[in-house]
């Protein structure tokens, strides 16, 4: 017998599960859950696929670039992960803690003539630790960071113009992509949610199509309280297809027998639609793909060049929004920070090790041409 808390503070009670089964209570609960799934569009298959697509999308995003020379306790993947979920970050040195940080930020004060932030304050990513010692340490750091007012440096500072205040009271903003009118970027994790949601529809639709060959069929159910028949039927069709359910009971005062027709779609159509959306998703990152409309026939070299030039503009935009802040960071703090494309994104062996796979940037030498452009170490 299962133990169940009665919610009245009197401790758990025991109920006979077999009695519930004999009275039909378990079946009633199951039916209610199925009906709620049809009404609100809950589909475990769709949700599982969307969850998997989110992970793939994050992996594609964070493996495009690799970072060198930033004196923070974050790997290249972790920096890109923060950009994926926040859209933009700030780099600064905290004098009380004697430590460099990369964190999200918020506007502190005014904006300049072009609408850019003049001052910001850092915002910690986490909400603390469960361990008391860790929590007190976090609270102390959060209190210090919340009181900081950092001047946003927008261009490289020459050595003769550098001041002590620039070292301890300034910050450099790093963006995932060029912002629009607003100074706050929408995070990639939010931007691509619509594409991932559409892609997660096609697999259940394809499975339903292959399973039945006739679409979803509705049958009339006798119920005197039926209303909004057509609207309910249309919603039920969509959600039933997502749930891979070939039949759906519709409460209706009119005779609704076949709702989608007997014509069966080609399975290839779903796969092509899925591939087109995936290519579109990859193009937003500047990653090479077959184009939104991927031809079945051989792709001409000229057509492939057009696709490549289109995605490269997005990739270059992301790269410039990482390298220019590195130039500013190096000019202020004399570091050798740099960001460059990953071999996986370029599809080329750039370091000559015979593999199109990136090593951990922490174990590699910092590219000289990148580090020296902004006054880094020779």
Protein backbone atom coordinates (compact mmCIF):
# COMPACT_ATOMS: atom_id res chain seq x y z
CA UNK A 1 0.00 0.00 0.00
CA UNK A 2 1.34 3.46 -0.82
CA UNK A 3 1.99 6.01 1.91
CA UNK A 4 0.19 9.29 1.28
CA UNK A 5 0.36 12.48 3.34
CA UNK A 6 -3.17 13.72 4.05
CA UNK A 7 -1.98 17.36 4.03
CA UNK A 8 -3.44 18.07 7.48
CA UNK A 9 -0.26 17.67 9.46
CA UNK A 10 -1.32 14.29 10.87
CA UNK A 11 1.34 12.29 9.07
CA UNK A 12 1.07 9.77 6.22
CA UNK A 13 -1.85 7.37 5.73
CA UNK A 14 -2.11 4.06 3.90
CA UNK A 15 -4.56 3.47 1.04
CA UNK A 16 -5.34 0.22 -0.75
CA UNK A 17 -4.17 0.59 -4.37
CA UNK A 18 -6.08 -2.53 -5.35
CA UNK A 19 -9.29 -0.93 -4.12
CA UNK A 20 -8.63 2.09 -6.32
CA UNK A 21 -8.12 -0.21 -9.29
CA UNK A 22 -11.36 -2.16 -8.65
CA UNK A 23 -13.44 1.00 -8.29
CA UNK A 24 -12.00 2.38 -11.54
CA UNK A 25 -10.41 5.42 -9.87
CA UNK A 26 -7.03 4.81 -11.50
CA UNK A 27 -8.63 4.66 -14.94
CA UNK A 28 -10.54 7.88 -14.26
CA UNK A 29 -7.32 9.68 -13.31
CA UNK A 30 -5.59 8.33 -16.42
CA UNK A 31 -8.44 9.53 -18.64
CA UNK A 32 -8.37 13.00 -17.08
CA UNK A 33 -4.63 13.26 -17.72
CA UNK A 34 -5.09 12.19 -21.36
CA UNK A 35 -7.88 14.74 -21.86
CA UNK A 36 -5.75 17.51 -20.35
CA UNK A 37 -2.91 16.56 -22.68
CA UNK A 38 -5.22 16.94 -25.69
CA UNK A 39 -6.61 20.27 -24.51
CA UNK A 40 -3.33 21.95 -23.53
CA UNK A 41 -1.07 20.35 -26.10
CA UNK A 42 1.19 18.47 -23.70
CA UNK A 43 3.19 15.90 -25.63
CA UNK A 44 6.01 13.99 -23.99
CA UNK A 45 7.43 13.07 -27.40
CA UNK A 46 7.48 16.71 -28.56
CA UNK A 47 8.90 17.93 -25.25
CA UNK A 48 11.65 15.32 -25.29
CA UNK A 49 12.61 16.21 -28.85
CA UNK A 50 12.61 19.94 -28.10
CA UNK A 51 14.80 19.36 -25.06
CA UNK A 52 17.28 17.43 -27.20
CA UNK A 53 17.24 20.12 -29.90
CA UNK A 54 17.98 22.78 -27.26
CA UNK A 55 21.12 20.90 -26.25
CA UNK A 56 22.22 20.55 -29.88
CA UNK A 57 21.56 24.25 -30.44
CA UNK A 58 23.65 25.20 -27.42
CA UNK A 59 26.48 22.91 -28.53
CA UNK A 60 26.51 24.46 -32.01
CA UNK A 61 26.56 27.95 -30.51
CA UNK A 62 29.27 27.55 -27.88
CA UNK A 63 31.67 25.62 -30.13
CA UNK A 64 31.93 28.32 -32.81
CA UNK A 65 34.73 30.31 -31.14
CA UNK A 66 37.56 29.70 -28.70
CA UNK A 67 39.03 32.17 -26.21
CA UNK A 68 42.61 32.69 -25.08
CA UNK A 69 44.34 34.68 -22.38
CA UNK A 70 41.43 35.87 -20.24
CA UNK A 71 42.51 35.69 -16.55
CA UNK A 72 39.18 34.33 -15.28
CA UNK A 73 38.34 30.89 -13.91
CA UNK A 74 36.10 30.13 -16.89
CA UNK A 75 36.86 27.89 -19.85
CA UNK A 76 36.24 28.95 -23.42
CA UNK A 77 33.04 26.87 -23.48
CA UNK A 78 31.79 28.46 -20.26
CA UNK A 79 32.31 31.98 -21.60
CA UNK A 80 30.36 31.10 -24.75
CA UNK A 81 27.70 29.42 -22.64
CA UNK A 82 27.18 32.65 -20.67
CA UNK A 83 26.87 34.56 -23.94
CA UNK A 84 24.35 31.98 -25.20
CA UNK A 85 22.07 32.48 -22.19
CA UNK A 86 22.69 36.20 -21.52
CA UNK A 87 23.40 37.78 -24.92
CA UNK A 88 26.11 40.10 -23.58
CA UNK A 89 28.59 40.22 -20.71
CA UNK A 90 31.07 42.64 -19.17
CA UNK A 91 34.75 42.12 -18.31
CA UNK A 92 36.27 44.06 -15.41
CA UNK A 93 38.75 43.96 -12.56
CA UNK A 94 37.44 44.06 -8.98
CA UNK A 95 40.04 45.75 -6.81
CA UNK A 96 38.59 44.70 -3.39
CA UNK A 97 38.63 41.04 -4.48
CA UNK A 98 41.84 41.34 -6.55
CA UNK A 99 40.20 39.36 -9.30
CA UNK A 100 38.98 39.63 -12.89
CA UNK A 101 35.35 38.79 -13.63
CA UNK A 102 33.05 38.17 -16.61
CA UNK A 103 29.43 38.67 -15.60
CA UNK A 104 26.09 39.97 -16.87
CA UNK A 105 25.46 43.64 -16.20
CA UNK A 106 22.79 46.31 -15.89
CA UNK A 107 22.64 50.01 -16.72
CA UNK A 108 23.88 52.31 -13.99
CA UNK A 109 23.12 55.94 -14.74
CA UNK A 110 23.03 57.58 -18.16
CA UNK A 111 23.55 56.81 -21.84
CA UNK A 112 25.66 58.70 -24.36
CA UNK A 113 24.73 60.60 -27.54
CA UNK A 114 24.44 57.31 -29.48
CA UNK A 115 22.33 55.58 -26.85
CA UNK A 116 25.22 53.50 -25.52
CA UNK A 117 25.64 52.79 -21.80
CA UNK A 118 28.03 55.14 -20.01
CA UNK A 119 28.10 53.24 -16.73
CA UNK A 120 27.03 49.76 -15.69
CA UNK A 121 27.12 47.57 -12.60
CA UNK A 122 27.88 43.84 -12.68
CA UNK A 123 25.20 41.28 -11.85
CA UNK A 124 26.25 37.87 -10.44
CA UNK A 125 25.05 34.81 -12.36
CA UNK A 126 24.26 32.54 -9.43
CA UNK A 127 22.05 32.89 -6.39
CA UNK A 128 24.53 31.45 -3.88
CA UNK A 129 25.43 28.07 -2.46
CA UNK A 130 23.63 25.82 0.02
CA UNK A 131 26.68 25.47 2.24
CA UNK A 132 26.72 28.24 4.83
CA UNK A 133 30.38 29.05 4.32
CA UNK A 134 29.94 29.19 0.57
CA UNK A 135 26.80 31.27 0.89
CA UNK A 136 28.44 33.84 3.12
CA UNK A 137 31.32 34.10 0.66
CA UNK A 138 28.87 34.57 -2.21
CA UNK A 139 26.86 37.18 -0.30
CA UNK A 140 30.06 39.11 0.40
CA UNK A 141 31.09 39.07 -3.27
CA UNK A 142 27.56 39.95 -4.43
CA UNK A 143 27.46 42.90 -2.04
CA UNK A 144 30.78 44.20 -3.36
CA UNK A 145 29.78 43.78 -7.01
CA UNK A 146 26.39 45.41 -6.50
CA UNK A 147 28.07 48.58 -5.23
CA UNK A 148 30.42 48.90 -8.19
CA UNK A 149 29.81 51.57 -10.79
CA UNK A 150 31.96 50.87 -13.83
CA UNK A 151 32.66 53.17 -16.75
CA UNK A 152 32.08 51.43 -20.09
CA UNK A 153 35.19 51.73 -22.29
CA UNK A 154 34.17 51.66 -25.94
CA UNK A 155 37.49 52.11 -27.74
CA UNK A 156 41.15 51.17 -27.35
CA UNK A 157 43.02 53.35 -24.83
CA UNK A 158 46.58 54.31 -25.73
CA UNK A 159 49.23 53.77 -23.07
CA UNK A 160 49.92 57.48 -22.59
CA UNK A 161 46.21 58.10 -21.89
CA UNK A 162 45.78 55.21 -19.45
CA UNK A 163 44.95 56.10 -15.83
CA UNK A 164 44.66 54.13 -12.61
CA UNK A 165 40.92 54.73 -12.63
CA UNK A 166 40.72 52.90 -15.97
CA UNK A 167 42.27 49.83 -14.34
CA UNK A 168 39.94 49.57 -11.36
CA UNK A 169 36.72 51.36 -12.36
CA UNK A 170 36.12 50.44 -15.98
CA UNK A 171 34.49 47.58 -17.86
CA UNK A 172 34.37 46.26 -21.41
CA UNK A 173 31.16 44.89 -22.89
CA UNK A 174 31.29 41.65 -24.91
CA UNK A 175 28.29 40.88 -27.13
CA UNK A 176 27.23 37.70 -28.90
CA UNK A 177 26.14 39.72 -31.95
CA UNK A 178 25.68 43.34 -32.96
CA UNK A 179 22.80 44.78 -30.99
CA UNK A 180 19.85 46.53 -32.60
CA UNK A 181 18.46 49.84 -31.35
CA UNK A 182 18.40 48.58 -27.78
CA UNK A 183 21.70 48.12 -25.95
CA UNK A 184 20.50 44.83 -24.50
CA UNK A 185 20.85 41.78 -26.73
CA UNK A 186 18.21 39.07 -26.76
CA UNK A 187 19.96 35.85 -25.78
CA UNK A 188 20.35 33.14 -28.44
CA UNK A 189 18.62 30.67 -26.13
CA UNK A 190 15.50 32.84 -26.44
CA UNK A 191 15.87 33.84 -30.10
CA UNK A 192 16.05 30.27 -31.41
CA UNK A 193 13.23 28.93 -29.24
CA UNK A 194 10.65 29.45 -32.00
CA UNK A 195 12.72 27.52 -34.55
CA UNK A 196 13.32 24.66 -32.11
CA UNK A 197 9.62 24.52 -31.27
CA UNK A 198 8.71 24.16 -34.96
CA UNK A 199 11.38 21.52 -35.51
CA UNK A 200 10.11 19.51 -32.55
CA UNK A 201 6.66 19.38 -34.22
CA UNK A 202 7.83 17.54 -37.32
CA UNK A 203 9.03 14.30 -35.74
CA UNK A 204 5.66 13.54 -34.02
CA UNK A 205 3.83 14.61 -37.21
CA UNK A 206 6.02 12.30 -39.26
CA UNK A 207 5.46 9.40 -36.85
CA UNK A 208 1.69 9.90 -36.94
CA UNK A 209 1.72 10.07 -40.74
CA UNK A 210 3.74 6.88 -41.06
CA UNK A 211 1.64 5.10 -38.45
CA UNK A 212 -1.75 5.76 -39.92
CA UNK A 213 -1.28 6.90 -43.49
CA UNK A 214 -4.60 8.73 -43.24
CA UNK A 215 -4.02 11.47 -40.71
CA UNK A 216 -6.07 11.88 -37.53
CA UNK A 217 -9.74 10.81 -37.61
CA UNK A 218 -12.41 12.08 -35.23
CA UNK A 219 -15.60 10.27 -34.23
CA UNK A 220 -18.80 11.75 -32.90
CA UNK A 221 -19.38 11.42 -29.14
CA UNK A 222 -22.81 11.89 -27.61
CA UNK A 223 -22.84 14.71 -25.08
CA UNK A 224 -25.63 17.26 -24.65
CA UNK A 225 -23.26 19.82 -23.16
CA UNK A 226 -21.08 20.04 -26.28
CA UNK A 227 -20.07 23.53 -27.45
CA UNK A 228 -17.47 25.25 -29.60
CA UNK A 229 -17.30 22.06 -31.64
CA UNK A 230 -15.22 23.26 -34.55
CA UNK A 231 -12.68 25.14 -32.43
CA UNK A 232 -12.30 22.21 -30.08
CA UNK A 233 -11.98 19.81 -33.00
CA UNK A 234 -9.23 21.86 -34.65
CA UNK A 235 -7.28 22.07 -31.38
CA UNK A 236 -7.76 18.38 -30.74
CA UNK A 237 -6.42 17.45 -34.20
CA UNK A 238 -3.17 19.35 -33.71
CA UNK A 239 -2.55 18.08 -30.21
CA UNK A 240 -3.49 14.51 -31.13
CA UNK A 241 -0.99 14.58 -33.99
CA UNK A 242 1.74 15.84 -31.65
CA UNK A 243 0.86 13.04 -29.23
CA UNK A 244 0.99 10.46 -32.06
CA UNK A 245 -2.66 9.66 -31.37
CA UNK A 246 -4.51 8.61 -34.58
CA UNK A 247 -8.00 8.97 -33.07
CA UNK A 248 -9.55 11.70 -31.00
CA UNK A 249 -12.95 11.83 -29.33
CA UNK A 250 -14.74 15.12 -30.03
CA UNK A 251 -17.66 16.35 -27.98
CA UNK A 252 -19.89 17.67 -30.70
CA UNK A 253 -23.52 18.33 -31.51
CA UNK A 254 -22.75 17.96 -35.19
CA UNK A 255 -21.50 14.95 -37.09
CA UNK A 256 -17.73 15.32 -37.55
CA UNK A 257 -16.31 12.11 -38.96
CA UNK A 258 -13.14 12.66 -40.96
CA UNK A 259 -11.21 15.81 -40.14
CA UNK A 260 -8.04 15.71 -42.19
CA UNK A 261 -8.90 13.77 -45.32
CA UNK A 262 -7.50 10.47 -46.51
CA UNK A 263 -4.53 11.85 -48.44
CA UNK A 264 -1.22 10.77 -46.98
CA UNK A 265 1.75 13.14 -47.04
CA UNK A 266 5.15 11.94 -48.16
CA UNK A 267 7.46 11.17 -45.26
CA UNK A 268 10.21 12.94 -47.21
CA UNK A 269 8.26 16.22 -46.98
CA UNK A 270 8.53 16.24 -43.18
CA UNK A 271 12.23 15.44 -43.27
CA UNK A 272 12.89 18.16 -45.84
CA UNK A 273 10.95 20.69 -43.77
CA UNK A 274 12.92 19.66 -40.69
CA UNK A 275 16.22 19.95 -42.58
CA UNK A 276 15.29 23.38 -43.96
CA UNK A 277 14.55 24.69 -40.47
CA UNK A 278 17.79 23.20 -39.16
CA UNK A 279 19.73 24.88 -41.99
CA UNK A 280 18.03 28.16 -41.15
CA UNK A 281 18.99 27.69 -37.47
CA UNK A 282 22.62 27.03 -38.41
CA UNK A 283 22.67 30.09 -40.68
CA UNK A 284 21.80 32.32 -37.70
CA UNK A 285 25.13 31.24 -36.19
CA UNK A 286 27.05 31.62 -39.43
CA UNK A 287 27.67 27.87 -39.67
CA UNK A 288 27.86 26.42 -43.20
CA UNK A 289 24.78 24.46 -44.29
CA UNK A 290 22.79 23.47 -47.37
CA UNK A 291 20.59 26.56 -47.39
CA UNK A 292 16.96 27.06 -46.41
CA UNK A 293 15.85 25.29 -49.59
CA UNK A 294 18.16 22.34 -49.95
CA UNK A 295 17.96 20.93 -53.45
CA UNK A 296 17.74 17.18 -54.01
CA UNK A 297 19.90 17.46 -57.12
CA UNK A 298 23.59 18.31 -57.27
CA UNK A 299 24.27 21.81 -55.95
CA UNK A 300 26.21 23.99 -58.35
CA UNK A 301 29.42 25.60 -57.12
CA UNK A 302 27.96 29.07 -57.64
CA UNK A 303 24.88 28.20 -55.54
CA UNK A 304 27.05 26.82 -52.76
CA UNK A 305 29.13 30.02 -52.81
CA UNK A 306 25.99 32.14 -52.32
CA UNK A 307 24.93 30.05 -49.32
CA UNK A 308 28.43 30.26 -47.85
CA UNK A 309 28.71 34.04 -48.22
CA UNK A 310 25.32 34.50 -46.54
CA UNK A 311 26.21 32.53 -43.43
CA UNK A 312 29.72 33.99 -43.20
CA UNK A 313 28.35 37.47 -42.57
CA UNK A 314 26.64 36.20 -39.41
CA UNK A 315 29.79 34.34 -38.34
CA UNK A 316 32.00 37.38 -38.95
CA UNK A 317 29.61 39.57 -36.97
CA UNK A 318 29.97 37.30 -33.95
CA UNK A 319 33.75 37.16 -34.32
CA UNK A 320 34.16 40.95 -34.52
CA UNK A 321 31.96 41.38 -31.44
CA UNK A 322 34.46 39.23 -29.56
CA UNK A 323 37.77 40.40 -31.00
CA UNK A 324 37.16 44.15 -30.68
CA UNK A 325 36.50 43.87 -26.91
CA UNK A 326 39.71 41.83 -26.66
CA UNK A 327 41.61 44.75 -28.22
CA UNK A 328 40.16 47.12 -25.61
CA UNK A 329 40.81 44.69 -22.73
CA UNK A 330 44.44 44.25 -23.78
CA UNK A 331 44.99 48.01 -24.09
CA UNK A 332 43.74 48.64 -20.54
CA UNK A 333 45.11 45.74 -18.52
CA UNK A 334 48.05 44.67 -20.70
CA UNK A 335 46.66 41.18 -21.20
CA UNK A 336 46.88 38.82 -24.17
CA UNK A 337 43.20 38.07 -24.52
CA UNK A 338 41.97 36.89 -27.89
CA UNK A 339 39.13 35.03 -29.60
CA UNK A 340 39.31 33.15 -32.88
CA UNK A 341 37.11 30.77 -34.92
CA UNK A 342 37.12 27.13 -33.90
CA UNK A 343 38.30 24.48 -36.34
CA UNK A 344 34.92 22.77 -36.08
CA UNK A 345 33.12 25.94 -37.26
CA UNK A 346 35.58 26.57 -40.10
CA UNK A 347 35.80 22.92 -41.11
CA UNK A 348 39.58 23.32 -41.51
CA UNK A 349 42.74 22.23 -39.70
CA UNK A 350 44.16 25.63 -38.74
CA UNK A 351 46.91 24.46 -36.36
CA UNK A 352 48.27 21.73 -38.64
CA UNK A 353 47.82 18.82 -36.21
CA UNK A 354 46.01 16.75 -38.83
CA UNK A 355 42.65 16.90 -37.05
CA UNK A 356 39.71 19.26 -37.52
CA UNK A 357 39.16 19.26 -33.77
CA UNK A 358 39.99 22.00 -31.28
CA UNK A 359 42.24 21.37 -28.31
CA UNK A 360 41.62 23.03 -24.99
CA UNK A 361 42.67 26.70 -25.53
CA UNK A 362 44.30 26.65 -22.09
CA UNK A 363 46.87 24.16 -23.38
CA UNK A 364 47.60 26.01 -26.61
CA UNK A 365 49.80 29.01 -27.25
CA UNK A 366 48.02 32.31 -27.69
CA UNK A 367 48.00 33.45 -31.35
CA UNK A 368 50.69 36.11 -31.65
CA UNK A 369 48.92 38.14 -34.30
CA UNK A 370 45.83 38.49 -32.15
CA UNK A 371 47.55 39.30 -28.90
CA UNK A 372 49.87 41.95 -30.30
CA UNK A 373 47.27 44.01 -32.14
CA UNK A 374 46.12 45.69 -28.93
CA UNK A 375 49.42 46.15 -27.19
CA UNK A 376 49.60 42.68 -25.62
CA UNK A 377 52.81 40.94 -24.65
CA UNK A 378 55.36 40.41 -27.35
